[in-house]
Protein backbone atom coordinates (compact mmCIF):
# COMPACT_ATOMS: atom_id res chain seq x y z
CA MET A 1 132.72 92.89 227.26
CA THR A 2 136.34 92.25 228.09
CA ALA A 3 137.74 88.74 228.11
CA PRO A 4 140.21 87.25 230.56
CA ALA A 5 143.81 87.98 229.69
CA GLY A 6 144.88 84.36 229.72
CA PRO A 7 143.48 80.84 229.31
CA SER A 8 141.26 79.42 232.02
CA GLU A 9 141.24 75.91 233.42
CA THR A 10 137.97 75.03 231.71
CA SER A 11 138.73 76.76 228.39
CA PRO A 12 142.06 75.60 226.91
CA ASP A 13 143.97 77.77 224.44
CA THR A 14 145.48 74.87 222.47
CA LEU A 15 143.95 72.15 220.30
CA ARG A 16 146.52 69.37 220.20
CA PRO A 17 145.98 67.90 223.69
CA HIS A 18 142.23 67.76 223.12
CA ALA A 19 141.93 65.73 219.92
CA ARG A 20 139.42 63.34 221.54
CA LEU A 21 137.13 66.22 222.43
CA ILE A 22 137.33 67.66 218.92
CA ALA A 23 136.55 64.20 217.53
CA PHE A 24 133.48 63.94 219.78
CA SER A 25 132.01 67.20 218.47
CA LEU A 26 132.94 66.47 214.85
CA ILE A 27 131.16 63.09 215.00
CA CYS A 28 128.10 64.76 216.56
CA ALA A 29 128.05 67.22 213.65
CA PHE A 30 128.31 64.34 211.16
CA LEU A 31 125.51 62.45 212.92
CA SER A 32 123.13 65.37 212.44
CA ALA A 33 122.67 64.05 208.88
CA PRO A 34 119.46 62.01 209.51
CA GLY A 35 117.70 65.23 210.51
CA GLN A 36 119.10 67.43 207.73
CA THR A 37 117.12 68.34 204.63
CA PHE A 38 119.80 67.03 202.25
CA PHE A 39 119.40 63.54 203.80
CA ILE A 40 115.63 63.52 204.33
CA ALA A 41 115.06 64.65 200.72
CA VAL A 42 116.36 61.27 199.53
CA PHE A 43 113.50 59.55 201.41
CA THR A 44 110.58 61.85 200.64
CA ALA A 45 109.46 60.23 197.38
CA PRO A 46 109.38 56.62 198.66
CA VAL A 47 107.85 57.69 201.99
CA ALA A 48 105.13 59.68 200.19
CA ALA A 49 104.32 56.75 197.90
CA SER A 50 104.19 54.36 200.84
CA ILE A 51 101.80 56.40 203.02
CA GLY A 52 99.72 57.78 200.13
CA LEU A 53 100.60 61.50 200.25
CA GLY A 54 101.32 63.83 197.36
CA PRO A 55 104.26 66.25 197.12
CA GLY A 56 102.23 69.18 198.46
CA ALA A 57 101.01 67.28 201.51
CA MET A 58 104.52 66.00 202.20
CA GLY A 59 105.88 69.53 202.03
CA ALA A 60 103.25 70.76 204.47
CA LEU A 61 103.93 67.83 206.81
CA TYR A 62 107.66 68.56 206.72
CA MET A 63 107.08 72.24 207.43
CA ALA A 64 104.86 71.44 210.42
CA ALA A 65 107.45 68.99 211.79
CA THR A 66 110.25 71.51 211.38
CA LEU A 67 108.28 74.22 213.18
CA GLY A 68 107.41 71.77 215.95
CA ALA A 69 111.07 70.87 216.40
CA ALA A 70 111.97 74.55 216.48
CA ALA A 71 109.44 75.17 219.25
CA ILE A 72 110.74 72.30 221.39
CA LEU A 73 114.45 72.98 220.89
CA PRO A 74 114.92 75.81 223.45
CA PHE A 75 113.55 73.63 226.26
CA ALA A 76 115.57 70.57 225.22
CA GLY A 77 118.68 72.57 224.34
CA SER A 78 118.87 74.40 227.66
CA TRP A 79 119.39 71.04 229.40
CA ILE A 80 122.87 70.98 227.82
CA ASP A 81 123.89 73.65 230.33
CA ARG A 82 123.03 71.32 233.21
CA LEU A 83 123.40 67.70 232.05
CA ASP A 84 126.05 65.37 230.69
CA LEU A 85 126.37 66.01 226.95
CA ARG A 86 126.47 62.29 226.22
CA LEU A 87 122.73 62.09 226.94
CA TYR A 88 122.21 63.90 223.64
CA ALA A 89 124.22 61.47 221.56
CA ALA A 90 121.29 59.21 220.57
CA LEU A 91 118.88 59.77 217.70
CA ALA A 92 118.27 56.09 216.99
CA LEU A 93 114.71 56.32 218.36
CA ALA A 94 113.82 58.94 215.75
CA CYS A 95 115.04 56.63 212.97
CA PHE A 96 113.02 53.70 214.34
CA VAL A 97 109.87 55.82 214.65
CA MET A 98 110.27 56.95 211.04
CA ALA A 99 110.83 53.38 209.87
CA GLY A 100 107.55 52.32 211.48
CA ALA A 101 105.42 55.15 210.05
CA THR A 102 102.31 53.87 208.26
CA GLY A 103 100.43 57.13 207.77
CA ALA A 104 100.68 60.90 207.92
CA LEU A 105 100.62 61.02 211.73
CA GLY A 106 103.48 58.56 212.09
CA ALA A 107 105.52 60.23 209.36
CA GLY A 108 104.93 63.63 210.92
CA LEU A 109 106.13 62.37 214.30
CA GLY A 110 109.15 60.77 212.65
CA PHE A 111 110.04 63.99 210.82
CA LEU A 112 109.64 65.99 214.04
CA LEU A 113 111.96 63.68 216.01
CA LEU A 114 114.51 63.56 213.20
CA ARG A 115 114.57 67.36 212.90
CA LEU A 116 114.79 67.78 216.68
CA THR A 117 117.43 65.15 217.46
CA GLY A 118 119.40 65.41 214.22
CA GLN A 119 119.32 68.86 212.68
CA GLY A 120 118.59 70.52 216.03
CA LEU A 121 120.22 68.82 219.01
CA MET A 122 123.17 66.99 217.41
CA THR A 123 124.36 70.19 215.77
CA HIS A 124 123.64 72.06 219.00
CA VAL A 125 125.72 69.59 221.05
CA ALA A 126 128.62 69.78 218.59
CA MET A 127 128.81 73.57 218.53
CA THR A 128 127.86 74.36 222.13
CA SER A 129 130.32 71.91 223.67
CA THR A 130 133.10 73.36 221.50
CA VAL A 131 132.49 77.06 222.18
CA ARG A 132 132.05 76.30 225.88
CA PHE A 133 135.40 74.50 226.22
CA PHE A 134 137.84 76.43 224.02
CA THR A 135 138.85 80.09 224.31
CA ARG A 136 141.75 81.45 222.26
CA VAL A 137 141.48 78.78 219.57
CA ARG A 138 137.68 78.66 219.57
CA GLY A 139 137.49 79.61 215.89
CA ARG A 140 139.88 76.90 214.77
CA ALA A 141 138.10 74.34 216.96
CA LEU A 142 134.74 75.30 215.44
CA SER A 143 136.19 75.03 211.94
CA ILE A 144 137.45 71.50 212.54
CA VAL A 145 134.25 70.38 214.27
CA GLY A 146 132.14 71.94 211.53
CA LEU A 147 133.82 69.75 208.91
CA GLY A 148 131.48 67.00 210.10
CA LEU A 149 128.62 68.72 208.25
CA PRO A 150 130.17 68.91 204.75
CA LEU A 151 131.51 65.40 205.26
CA SER A 152 127.96 64.18 205.90
CA GLU A 153 126.70 66.21 202.91
CA ALA A 154 129.23 64.47 200.67
CA LEU A 155 128.70 60.92 201.94
CA THR A 156 125.31 60.26 203.53
CA PRO A 157 122.86 61.02 200.67
CA ALA A 158 124.63 58.54 198.39
CA ALA A 159 124.77 55.96 201.19
CA ALA A 160 121.06 56.43 201.88
CA LEU A 161 120.21 56.02 198.19
CA GLY A 162 122.20 52.78 198.13
CA LEU A 163 120.40 51.42 201.20
CA ILE A 164 116.99 52.34 199.79
CA ALA A 165 117.78 50.65 196.46
CA LEU A 166 119.11 47.57 198.23
CA ALA A 167 116.50 47.05 200.95
CA GLY A 168 113.83 49.77 200.96
CA TRP A 169 113.35 53.04 202.81
CA ARG A 170 112.06 51.52 206.08
CA GLU A 171 114.97 49.12 206.29
CA ALA A 172 117.36 51.98 205.50
CA TYR A 173 116.11 53.96 208.51
CA VAL A 174 116.45 50.85 210.70
CA VAL A 175 120.06 50.42 209.57
CA VAL A 176 120.82 54.06 210.35
CA GLY A 177 119.26 53.73 213.81
CA VAL A 178 121.22 50.56 214.57
CA VAL A 179 124.49 52.18 213.47
CA VAL A 180 123.83 55.15 215.75
CA LEU A 181 122.86 52.95 218.70
CA VAL A 182 125.47 50.19 218.38
CA LEU A 183 128.48 52.00 216.92
CA ALA A 184 128.22 55.78 217.22
CA LEU A 185 126.87 56.14 220.77
CA PRO A 186 129.50 53.91 222.45
CA LEU A 187 132.24 55.69 220.47
CA LEU A 188 131.03 59.10 221.59
CA GLN A 189 130.83 57.96 225.20
CA ALA A 190 134.36 56.56 225.04
CA LEU A 191 135.76 59.79 223.60
CA ILE A 192 134.67 61.90 226.59
CA ALA A 193 134.42 59.25 229.32
CA ARG A 194 137.25 60.86 231.32
CA GLN A 195 136.70 64.47 230.32
CA PRO A 196 134.47 66.02 233.02
CA ARG A 197 135.28 69.63 232.10
CA PHE A 198 134.09 69.06 228.54
CA ASN A 199 130.77 67.38 229.20
CA LYS A 200 129.76 69.26 232.34
CA PRO A 201 128.43 72.82 232.55
CA VAL A 202 130.59 75.88 233.00
CA ARG A 203 128.93 78.25 235.43
CA ALA A 204 130.26 81.00 237.62
CA ALA A 205 129.70 80.64 241.35
CA GLY A 206 126.26 81.88 242.32
CA ALA A 207 125.16 82.31 238.70
CA GLU A 208 121.50 81.87 237.89
CA LYS A 209 120.56 78.52 236.42
CA PRO A 210 120.20 78.99 232.64
CA SER A 211 116.80 78.30 231.13
CA ALA A 212 115.02 78.76 227.84
CA TRP A 213 112.96 81.62 229.32
CA ALA A 214 116.06 83.29 230.79
CA ALA A 215 117.72 83.12 227.39
CA ALA A 216 114.63 84.55 225.71
CA ARG A 217 114.54 87.47 228.16
CA MET A 218 118.25 88.11 227.71
CA LEU A 219 118.13 88.07 223.94
CA THR A 220 114.89 89.94 223.32
CA GLY A 221 115.98 92.69 225.70
CA SER A 222 119.22 93.18 223.78
CA ARG A 223 119.59 95.79 221.02
CA HIS A 224 122.40 93.69 219.57
CA PHE A 225 120.04 90.74 219.15
CA TRP A 226 117.42 92.68 217.19
CA LEU A 227 120.03 94.21 214.87
CA ILE A 228 121.66 90.88 214.00
CA LEU A 229 118.49 88.77 213.95
CA PRO A 230 117.53 89.42 210.29
CA LEU A 231 121.02 88.48 209.12
CA ILE A 232 121.40 85.28 211.13
CA ILE A 233 118.03 83.92 210.01
CA PHE A 234 118.47 84.96 206.39
CA LEU A 235 121.07 82.36 205.34
CA PRO A 236 119.18 79.28 206.64
CA PHE A 237 115.99 80.72 205.12
CA ALA A 238 117.59 81.35 201.73
CA ALA A 239 119.83 78.28 201.65
CA THR A 240 117.05 75.83 202.53
CA GLY A 241 114.64 77.44 200.09
CA LEU A 242 117.17 77.49 197.25
CA LEU A 243 118.27 73.90 197.86
CA PHE A 244 114.68 72.64 198.16
CA GLN A 245 113.74 74.38 194.91
CA ILE A 246 116.98 73.61 193.07
CA LEU A 247 115.28 71.49 190.40
CA PRO A 248 112.82 74.14 189.13
CA LEU A 249 115.50 76.84 189.45
CA ALA A 250 117.98 74.76 187.45
CA GLU A 251 115.42 74.04 184.76
CA ALA A 252 114.46 77.71 184.52
CA ARG A 253 118.12 78.74 184.27
CA GLY A 254 118.91 75.99 181.74
CA TRP A 255 121.36 74.15 183.97
CA PRO A 256 121.66 70.37 183.37
CA VAL A 257 119.88 68.53 186.18
CA GLY A 258 122.19 65.57 185.60
CA TRP A 259 125.02 67.66 187.04
CA LEU A 260 123.36 67.91 190.46
CA GLY A 261 125.51 65.15 191.95
CA ALA A 262 128.72 66.99 191.11
CA ALA A 263 127.15 70.27 192.20
CA PHE A 264 126.34 68.91 195.67
CA MET A 265 129.91 67.68 195.96
CA GLY A 266 130.87 71.28 195.21
CA PHE A 267 128.50 72.41 197.96
CA ALA A 268 130.27 70.13 200.46
CA ALA A 269 133.71 71.31 199.29
CA GLY A 270 132.68 74.96 199.57
CA HIS A 271 131.25 74.32 203.02
CA ALA A 272 134.54 72.77 204.16
CA LEU A 273 136.59 75.61 202.64
CA GLY A 274 134.42 78.20 204.36
CA LEU A 275 134.95 76.49 207.71
CA LEU A 276 138.72 76.35 207.27
CA VAL A 277 138.97 79.99 206.20
CA VAL A 278 136.76 81.43 208.91
CA GLY A 279 138.41 79.66 211.85
CA ARG A 280 141.58 81.75 211.96
CA LEU A 281 139.61 84.90 211.15
CA ILE A 282 137.45 84.28 214.24
CA ASP A 283 140.53 83.78 216.41
CA ARG A 284 142.00 87.05 215.10
CA TYR A 285 138.98 89.33 214.81
CA GLY A 286 136.15 87.58 216.69
CA GLY A 287 132.97 86.07 215.25
CA THR A 288 131.00 89.21 216.11
CA ARG A 289 133.02 91.40 213.75
CA LEU A 290 132.66 88.88 210.93
CA LEU A 291 128.85 88.88 210.95
CA PRO A 292 128.34 91.68 208.38
CA LEU A 293 130.84 89.98 206.03
CA MET A 294 129.80 86.34 206.29
CA ASN A 295 127.24 86.51 203.47
CA LEU A 296 129.63 87.72 200.78
CA PRO A 297 129.69 84.23 199.21
CA THR A 298 125.88 84.32 199.22
CA LEU A 299 126.00 87.47 197.08
CA ALA A 300 128.38 85.70 194.70
CA ALA A 301 126.04 82.69 194.47
CA LEU A 302 123.03 84.91 193.82
CA GLY A 303 124.98 86.74 191.11
CA VAL A 304 125.56 83.41 189.36
CA LEU A 305 121.89 82.48 189.71
CA ALA A 306 120.84 85.84 188.27
CA VAL A 307 122.97 85.90 185.11
CA SER A 308 124.64 82.56 184.29
CA GLY A 309 123.06 80.01 181.98
CA HIS A 310 126.30 78.06 181.57
CA PRO A 311 126.20 74.46 182.81
CA LEU A 312 129.11 75.18 185.17
CA GLY A 313 126.93 77.85 186.75
CA LEU A 314 125.10 75.14 188.71
CA ILE A 315 128.35 73.95 190.30
CA ALA A 316 129.54 77.51 190.95
CA PHE A 317 126.19 78.42 192.53
CA LEU A 318 126.10 75.51 194.98
CA THR A 319 129.82 75.78 195.79
CA ALA A 320 129.39 79.44 196.79
CA MET A 321 126.29 78.58 198.84
CA GLY A 322 128.28 75.90 200.63
CA MET A 323 131.04 78.38 201.44
CA ALA A 324 128.46 80.81 202.84
CA SER A 325 127.10 78.05 205.08
CA GLY A 326 130.59 77.28 206.41
CA LEU A 327 131.35 80.93 207.19
CA ALA A 328 128.03 81.55 208.93
CA GLN A 329 128.08 78.29 210.89
CA SER A 330 131.24 79.14 212.83
CA ALA A 331 130.91 82.93 212.97
CA VAL A 332 127.42 82.83 214.49
CA SER A 333 128.33 80.08 216.98
CA ALA A 334 131.35 82.09 218.17
CA MET A 335 129.34 85.32 218.33
CA TRP A 336 126.81 83.95 220.85
CA VAL A 337 129.46 83.06 223.40
CA GLU A 338 131.48 86.26 222.78
CA VAL A 339 128.53 88.52 223.44
CA TYR A 340 126.50 86.58 226.01
CA GLY A 341 129.14 84.54 227.82
CA VAL A 342 130.18 80.91 228.23
CA ALA A 343 127.80 79.99 231.05
CA GLN A 344 124.69 80.85 229.00
CA ALA A 345 125.99 79.46 225.68
CA GLY A 346 123.66 76.43 225.55
CA SER A 347 120.45 78.28 226.46
CA VAL A 348 121.16 81.32 224.30
CA ARG A 349 122.14 79.33 221.24
CA SER A 350 119.18 76.95 221.54
CA PHE A 351 116.75 79.89 221.60
CA ALA A 352 118.45 81.42 218.55
CA VAL A 353 118.52 78.08 216.73
CA MET A 354 114.77 77.77 217.32
CA ILE A 355 114.29 80.94 215.28
CA MET A 356 116.73 79.82 212.59
CA VAL A 357 115.08 76.39 212.27
CA ALA A 358 111.72 78.10 211.87
CA SER A 359 113.20 80.17 209.05
CA THR A 360 114.29 76.97 207.28
CA ALA A 361 110.67 75.82 207.34
CA ALA A 362 109.54 79.04 205.64
CA GLY A 363 112.21 79.14 202.94
CA PRO A 364 110.91 76.40 200.61
CA ALA A 365 107.33 77.66 200.90
CA VAL A 366 108.20 81.31 200.16
CA LEU A 367 110.44 80.52 197.19
CA GLY A 368 107.90 78.02 195.90
CA ALA A 369 105.19 80.69 196.01
CA LEU A 370 107.44 83.10 194.11
CA LEU A 371 108.10 80.49 191.42
CA GLU A 372 104.40 79.70 191.09
CA ALA A 373 103.69 83.43 190.79
CA GLY A 374 105.99 83.60 187.78
CA ALA A 375 109.18 84.95 189.34
CA GLY A 376 112.27 83.76 187.50
CA PRO A 377 115.77 83.03 188.85
CA ALA A 378 116.96 86.60 188.18
CA MET A 379 114.09 88.19 190.13
CA ILE A 380 114.46 85.78 193.05
CA ALA A 381 118.22 86.34 193.14
CA GLY A 382 117.71 90.12 193.11
CA LEU A 383 115.25 90.05 196.00
CA LEU A 384 117.50 87.85 198.08
CA ALA A 385 120.61 89.92 197.29
CA ALA A 386 118.88 93.13 198.35
CA SER A 387 118.00 91.43 201.64
CA VAL A 388 121.64 90.40 202.18
CA VAL A 389 122.84 93.98 201.76
CA ALA A 390 120.15 95.46 204.01
CA PHE A 391 120.56 92.90 206.80
CA SER A 392 124.37 93.13 206.74
CA GLY A 393 124.04 96.89 207.17
CA LEU A 394 121.83 96.39 210.23
CA ALA A 395 124.31 93.94 211.77
CA ALA A 396 127.12 96.48 211.31
CA LEU A 397 125.18 98.89 213.59
CA SER A 398 125.03 96.50 216.57
CA PRO A 399 126.58 97.68 219.89
CA ALA A 400 129.13 94.85 219.81
CA GLN A 401 130.38 96.12 216.43
CA GLN A 402 130.60 99.70 217.67
CA GLN A 403 132.59 98.66 220.76
CA GLY A 404 135.13 96.79 218.67
CA TYR A 405 134.57 93.48 220.44
CA THR A 406 137.22 91.05 219.17
CA CYS A 407 138.13 88.71 222.01
CA SER A 408 136.31 85.54 223.02
CA ARG A 409 135.20 85.02 226.59
């Protein structure tokens, strides 16, 4: 697993001349918002009231849609290795389908398309195009691009609430779709219109055409994959579950629910800080080496959840969870290309993201079952913390760790 000694034509080692390409990926990351849980959560109550579903049925519908999107993602994501990336820069259709939903079937289809095109493919385009293009400064590029996610966390839920209050939830989805179609898509196309090396595949001469099945065979036959798998699916599982259940957890801990707005701003700030910190660490040590360490902020957050009843504990908890998300986001994206190579980056990452998206569907259900069974915040935090320690230990035993892999391909 040795990397080329110097920069290649298709993988620059500087950021400054490629600001337009960084902007393209950052905007894609920001535009994942319509498919992210923090955005969809703002719509669930009015959607449920409109189509006549209760909270339990809505949760089940959302889980089914998330699992469906996870199953489709490897097949859709592998196209990125063969097609122009701009073809993925449209999720307006998903917004329009959701706006027209009149029953459970329509809402389920809308959720599935939003999760696939927003949370799945837009994030996938942002990260895959970045790791595929940059080499020596891949970590810093990922950190800048990843800022699109905390920026969307800080801005889009409030904007969605304003649109819903002003016009209604259907009209809000129509507005979002129109903005994507009329403003965002032309901007993205303009940013990379004359950048063929960025939006075309990187493949060695004679290399096999990547596919979802090829990626699955490559990953499942790798000892490294099985040792890191528990760790890389743990954070999305835990983070989604904890965020989805934040209201009952806050009430059980005695945290003021009225502070949630400030706490989510802390989550976005922590996310951004994590991205900025991890970028240079990736460039120095490699994302692979950082895997066992990336969940240290998660342990800090779980410690706060276990013992703190102070009102500021809510802000500290979500800020630490945001930092953990920032660290993991870039470290895992860099690790895939370091270990499995640039040419397979799209297919490999899409298969892995399928598994991680599935874990996000399970998180709210598992934590909800624990709460209904009588588990308190301290017990839940203890179980999750023990998992962090065990899974980090497994990741430290991977072959890539033992070989001291530190340089990006």
